[in-house]
Amino acid sequence: MDHPLIDLINARIAKAEGEGAFDNLPGAGRPLPACDDPEAAVMTRILKDNGAVPEFVSLSRELSRLREALRDTADRSERRRMMQDMSLLEAKIEIARKAR
């Protein structure tokens, strides 16, 4: 089934083409970059352009931050709590990697 606005979309594209809106675009005449996952290429680009990272990457950064804080902490109860948090983060990282 076509999009309900397909005729309008095609008319606007044809008008823009006629006005030269697509002439001299950056990268014109060059091949498209290689793409591992064409189905998700647009979403991947949007996420990348906005600084998003996979969940396991952000969790790994948090784990690194906790490890550094652990080195600077002398309080035993605080260290125990931090090690529990690190263990939980390691489990979350493994789950996130497998889900990807």
N, C-alpha and C. Protein backbone atom coordinates (compact mmCIF):
# COMPACT_ATOMS: atom_id res chain seq x y z
N MET A 1 0.85 -1.19 0.00
CA MET A 1 0.00 0.00 0.00
C MET A 1 0.88 1.24 0.00
N ASP A 2 0.55 2.16 -0.87
CA ASP A 2 1.32 3.40 -0.95
C ASP A 2 0.98 4.33 0.20
N HIS A 3 1.93 5.20 0.46
CA HIS A 3 1.72 6.24 1.46
C HIS A 3 0.58 7.14 0.99
N PRO A 4 -0.30 7.60 1.90
CA PRO A 4 -1.44 8.42 1.46
C PRO A 4 -1.04 9.73 0.78
N LEU A 5 0.18 10.18 1.05
CA LEU A 5 0.62 11.44 0.45
C LEU A 5 1.62 11.23 -0.69
N ILE A 6 1.67 10.02 -1.24
CA ILE A 6 2.67 9.69 -2.24
C ILE A 6 2.63 10.62 -3.45
N ASP A 7 1.45 10.99 -3.89
CA ASP A 7 1.34 11.88 -5.05
C ASP A 7 1.91 13.26 -4.73
N LEU A 8 1.61 13.77 -3.56
CA LEU A 8 2.15 15.07 -3.14
C LEU A 8 3.67 15.00 -3.02
N ILE A 9 4.16 13.93 -2.40
CA ILE A 9 5.61 13.75 -2.23
C ILE A 9 6.30 13.71 -3.59
N ASN A 10 5.76 12.92 -4.52
CA ASN A 10 6.37 12.83 -5.85
C ASN A 10 6.32 14.16 -6.59
N ALA A 11 5.23 14.90 -6.43
CA ALA A 11 5.12 16.21 -7.07
C ALA A 11 6.16 17.18 -6.52
N ARG A 12 6.35 17.16 -5.21
CA ARG A 12 7.35 18.05 -4.60
C ARG A 12 8.76 17.68 -5.03
N ILE A 13 9.04 16.39 -5.12
CA ILE A 13 10.36 15.95 -5.56
C ILE A 13 10.59 16.36 -7.02
N ALA A 14 9.59 16.16 -7.86
CA ALA A 14 9.71 16.54 -9.28
C ALA A 14 9.93 18.04 -9.42
N LYS A 15 9.21 18.84 -8.63
CA LYS A 15 9.37 20.29 -8.67
C LYS A 15 10.77 20.68 -8.25
N ALA A 16 11.27 20.08 -7.16
CA ALA A 16 12.61 20.40 -6.67
C ALA A 16 13.67 20.00 -7.71
N GLU A 17 13.46 18.85 -8.35
CA GLU A 17 14.38 18.41 -9.40
C GLU A 17 14.39 19.42 -10.54
N GLY A 18 13.21 19.85 -10.94
CA GLY A 18 13.10 20.82 -12.03
C GLY A 18 13.76 22.14 -11.70
N GLU A 19 13.74 22.52 -10.44
CA GLU A 19 14.37 23.78 -10.00
C GLU A 19 15.86 23.63 -9.73
N GLY A 20 16.37 22.39 -9.86
CA GLY A 20 17.81 22.17 -9.66
C GLY A 20 18.23 22.02 -8.21
N ALA A 21 17.29 21.74 -7.33
CA ALA A 21 17.61 21.61 -5.91
C ALA A 21 18.56 20.46 -5.62
N PHE A 22 18.64 19.48 -6.51
CA PHE A 22 19.49 18.32 -6.27
C PHE A 22 20.79 18.38 -7.07
N ASP A 23 21.02 19.48 -7.77
CA ASP A 23 22.25 19.65 -8.53
C ASP A 23 23.38 20.05 -7.59
N ASN A 24 24.58 19.57 -7.88
CA ASN A 24 25.79 19.96 -7.15
C ASN A 24 25.72 19.68 -5.65
N LEU A 25 25.10 18.59 -5.26
CA LEU A 25 25.07 18.21 -3.85
C LEU A 25 26.44 17.66 -3.46
N PRO A 26 26.83 17.82 -2.19
CA PRO A 26 28.12 17.24 -1.75
C PRO A 26 28.11 15.73 -2.00
N GLY A 27 29.19 15.23 -2.57
CA GLY A 27 29.30 13.80 -2.83
C GLY A 27 28.66 13.36 -4.14
N ALA A 28 28.14 14.28 -4.91
CA ALA A 28 27.49 13.92 -6.18
C ALA A 28 28.49 13.22 -7.09
N GLY A 29 28.07 12.13 -7.69
CA GLY A 29 28.91 11.40 -8.62
C GLY A 29 29.82 10.39 -7.96
N ARG A 30 29.87 10.39 -6.63
CA ARG A 30 30.69 9.41 -5.91
C ARG A 30 29.81 8.29 -5.40
N PRO A 31 30.39 7.10 -5.24
CA PRO A 31 29.59 5.98 -4.74
C PRO A 31 29.18 6.21 -3.29
N LEU A 32 28.07 5.62 -2.93
CA LEU A 32 27.62 5.71 -1.55
C LEU A 32 28.58 4.95 -0.65
N PRO A 33 28.75 5.39 0.61
CA PRO A 33 29.65 4.67 1.51
C PRO A 33 29.10 3.27 1.79
N ALA A 34 30.01 2.37 2.11
CA ALA A 34 29.61 0.99 2.43
C ALA A 34 28.71 1.00 3.66
N CYS A 35 27.75 0.11 3.67
CA CYS A 35 26.78 0.07 4.76
C CYS A 35 26.60 -1.39 5.21
N ASP A 36 26.85 -1.63 6.51
CA ASP A 36 26.71 -2.99 7.04
C ASP A 36 25.26 -3.40 7.17
N ASP A 37 24.41 -2.45 7.52
CA ASP A 37 23.01 -2.76 7.78
C ASP A 37 22.12 -1.75 7.07
N PRO A 38 21.83 -1.96 5.79
CA PRO A 38 21.06 -0.98 5.03
C PRO A 38 19.68 -0.71 5.60
N GLU A 39 19.09 -1.70 6.27
CA GLU A 39 17.75 -1.52 6.84
C GLU A 39 17.75 -0.46 7.94
N ALA A 40 18.86 -0.36 8.67
CA ALA A 40 18.93 0.56 9.80
C ALA A 40 19.88 1.74 9.54
N ALA A 41 20.27 1.95 8.29
CA ALA A 41 21.27 2.96 7.97
C ALA A 41 20.85 4.37 8.38
N VAL A 42 19.62 4.73 8.13
CA VAL A 42 19.15 6.08 8.48
C VAL A 42 19.14 6.25 9.99
N MET A 43 18.61 5.27 10.70
CA MET A 43 18.56 5.37 12.16
C MET A 43 19.97 5.43 12.75
N THR A 44 20.88 4.62 12.21
CA THR A 44 22.26 4.62 12.68
C THR A 44 22.89 5.99 12.48
N ARG A 45 22.66 6.60 11.30
CA ARG A 45 23.23 7.92 11.03
C ARG A 45 22.66 8.97 11.98
N ILE A 46 21.36 8.94 12.22
CA ILE A 46 20.72 9.90 13.12
C ILE A 46 21.30 9.77 14.53
N LEU A 47 21.42 8.53 14.99
CA LEU A 47 21.98 8.30 16.33
C LEU A 47 23.42 8.80 16.41
N LYS A 48 24.21 8.48 15.40
CA LYS A 48 25.61 8.90 15.39
C LYS A 48 25.74 10.42 15.35
N ASP A 49 24.94 11.06 14.51
CA ASP A 49 24.98 12.53 14.40
C ASP A 49 24.59 13.22 15.70
N ASN A 50 23.82 12.54 16.53
CA ASN A 50 23.37 13.14 17.78
C ASN A 50 24.13 12.63 18.99
N GLY A 51 25.25 11.95 18.75
CA GLY A 51 26.12 11.52 19.84
C GLY A 51 25.66 10.30 20.61
N ALA A 52 24.70 9.59 20.09
CA ALA A 52 24.23 8.39 20.78
C ALA A 52 25.23 7.26 20.58
N VAL A 53 25.32 6.41 21.58
CA VAL A 53 26.20 5.25 21.50
C VAL A 53 25.41 4.01 21.91
N PRO A 54 25.88 2.84 21.51
CA PRO A 54 25.20 1.63 21.96
C PRO A 54 25.19 1.55 23.48
N GLU A 55 24.20 0.87 24.02
CA GLU A 55 24.05 0.79 25.47
C GLU A 55 25.29 0.22 26.14
N PHE A 56 25.89 -0.81 25.56
CA PHE A 56 27.05 -1.41 26.22
C PHE A 56 28.23 -0.45 26.29
N VAL A 57 28.31 0.50 25.36
CA VAL A 57 29.38 1.49 25.39
C VAL A 57 29.18 2.46 26.56
N SER A 58 27.96 2.96 26.71
CA SER A 58 27.71 3.88 27.83
C SER A 58 27.86 3.17 29.17
N LEU A 59 27.45 1.90 29.23
CA LEU A 59 27.62 1.13 30.47
C LEU A 59 29.10 0.89 30.75
N SER A 60 29.88 0.64 29.71
CA SER A 60 31.33 0.43 29.89
C SER A 60 32.00 1.70 30.39
N ARG A 61 31.57 2.83 29.91
CA ARG A 61 32.12 4.11 30.39
C ARG A 61 31.80 4.30 31.87
N GLU A 62 30.58 3.96 32.26
CA GLU A 62 30.19 4.07 33.66
C GLU A 62 31.01 3.11 34.52
N LEU A 63 31.26 1.92 34.03
CA LEU A 63 32.07 0.93 34.75
C LEU A 63 33.49 1.47 34.94
N SER A 64 34.06 2.07 33.92
CA SER A 64 35.41 2.65 34.04
C SER A 64 35.43 3.76 35.08
N ARG A 65 34.38 4.58 35.08
CA ARG A 65 34.31 5.66 36.06
C ARG A 65 34.26 5.09 37.48
N LEU A 66 33.47 4.03 37.67
CA LEU A 66 33.37 3.40 38.98
C LEU A 66 34.70 2.78 39.41
N ARG A 67 35.43 2.17 38.48
CA ARG A 67 36.73 1.59 38.81
C ARG A 67 37.71 2.64 39.29
N GLU A 68 37.70 3.79 38.62
CA GLU A 68 38.57 4.89 39.05
C GLU A 68 38.17 5.38 40.43
N ALA A 69 36.88 5.53 40.67
CA ALA A 69 36.41 5.99 41.98
C ALA A 69 36.76 4.98 43.06
N LEU A 70 36.72 3.69 42.73
CA LEU A 70 37.04 2.64 43.70
C LEU A 70 38.49 2.77 44.16
N ARG A 71 39.39 3.10 43.25
CA ARG A 71 40.80 3.27 43.60
C ARG A 71 41.01 4.38 44.62
N ASP A 72 40.15 5.40 44.56
CA ASP A 72 40.31 6.56 45.44
C ASP A 72 39.51 6.47 46.72
N THR A 73 38.79 5.37 46.93
CA THR A 73 37.91 5.25 48.08
C THR A 73 38.52 4.31 49.12
N ALA A 74 38.60 4.78 50.36
CA ALA A 74 39.15 3.98 51.45
C ALA A 74 38.06 3.37 52.33
N ASP A 75 36.88 3.96 52.33
CA ASP A 75 35.78 3.48 53.17
C ASP A 75 35.33 2.10 52.71
N ARG A 76 35.39 1.11 53.62
CA ARG A 76 35.07 -0.28 53.26
C ARG A 76 33.62 -0.45 52.79
N SER A 77 32.68 0.16 53.48
CA SER A 77 31.28 0.00 53.09
C SER A 77 31.01 0.65 51.73
N GLU A 78 31.65 1.76 51.49
CA GLU A 78 31.50 2.43 50.18
C GLU A 78 32.14 1.58 49.08
N ARG A 79 33.30 1.00 49.37
CA ARG A 79 33.96 0.12 48.39
C ARG A 79 33.09 -1.09 48.08
N ARG A 80 32.46 -1.67 49.12
CA ARG A 80 31.59 -2.84 48.92
C ARG A 80 30.41 -2.47 48.02
N ARG A 81 29.80 -1.32 48.29
CA ARG A 81 28.68 -0.86 47.47
C ARG A 81 29.12 -0.63 46.03
N MET A 82 30.29 -0.03 45.86
CA MET A 82 30.79 0.23 44.51
C MET A 82 31.08 -1.07 43.77
N MET A 83 31.61 -2.07 44.46
CA MET A 83 31.91 -3.35 43.81
C MET A 83 30.62 -4.07 43.43
N GLN A 84 29.57 -3.92 44.23
CA GLN A 84 28.28 -4.49 43.86
C GLN A 84 27.74 -3.80 42.60
N ASP A 85 27.87 -2.47 42.57
CA ASP A 85 27.43 -1.71 41.39
C ASP A 85 28.22 -2.14 40.15
N MET A 86 29.53 -2.36 40.33
CA MET A 86 30.36 -2.78 39.20
C MET A 86 29.95 -4.16 38.70
N SER A 87 29.64 -5.04 39.63
CA SER A 87 29.21 -6.38 39.24
C SER A 87 27.90 -6.32 38.44
N LEU A 88 26.98 -5.50 38.90
CA LEU A 88 25.71 -5.32 38.19
C LEU A 88 25.94 -4.73 36.80
N LEU A 89 26.82 -3.74 36.72
CA LEU A 89 27.13 -3.14 35.42
C LEU A 89 27.76 -4.16 34.47
N GLU A 90 28.65 -5.00 34.98
CA GLU A 90 29.27 -6.02 34.12
C GLU A 90 28.21 -6.96 33.56
N ALA A 91 27.25 -7.33 34.37
CA ALA A 91 26.16 -8.20 33.90
C ALA A 91 25.32 -7.48 32.84
N LYS A 92 25.02 -6.21 33.08
CA LYS A 92 24.24 -5.43 32.11
C LYS A 92 24.99 -5.29 30.78
N ILE A 93 26.32 -5.10 30.86
CA ILE A 93 27.14 -4.97 29.65
C ILE A 93 27.07 -6.26 28.85
N GLU A 94 27.20 -7.39 29.52
CA GLU A 94 27.13 -8.68 28.82
C GLU A 94 25.79 -8.89 28.14
N ILE A 95 24.71 -8.52 28.83
CA ILE A 95 23.36 -8.65 28.26
C ILE A 95 23.21 -7.73 27.05
N ALA A 96 23.70 -6.50 27.18
CA ALA A 96 23.58 -5.52 26.09
C ALA A 96 24.38 -5.98 24.87
N ARG A 97 25.56 -6.57 25.10
CA ARG A 97 26.37 -7.06 23.97
C ARG A 97 25.68 -8.21 23.26
N LYS A 98 25.09 -9.11 24.03
CA LYS A 98 24.40 -10.25 23.42
C LYS A 98 23.15 -9.79 22.67
N ALA A 99 22.50 -8.77 23.17
CA ALA A 99 21.28 -8.27 22.52
C ALA A 99 21.60 -7.59 21.20
N ARG A 100 22.76 -7.05 21.07
CA ARG A 100 23.16 -6.34 19.86
C ARG A 100 23.46 -7.35 18.81
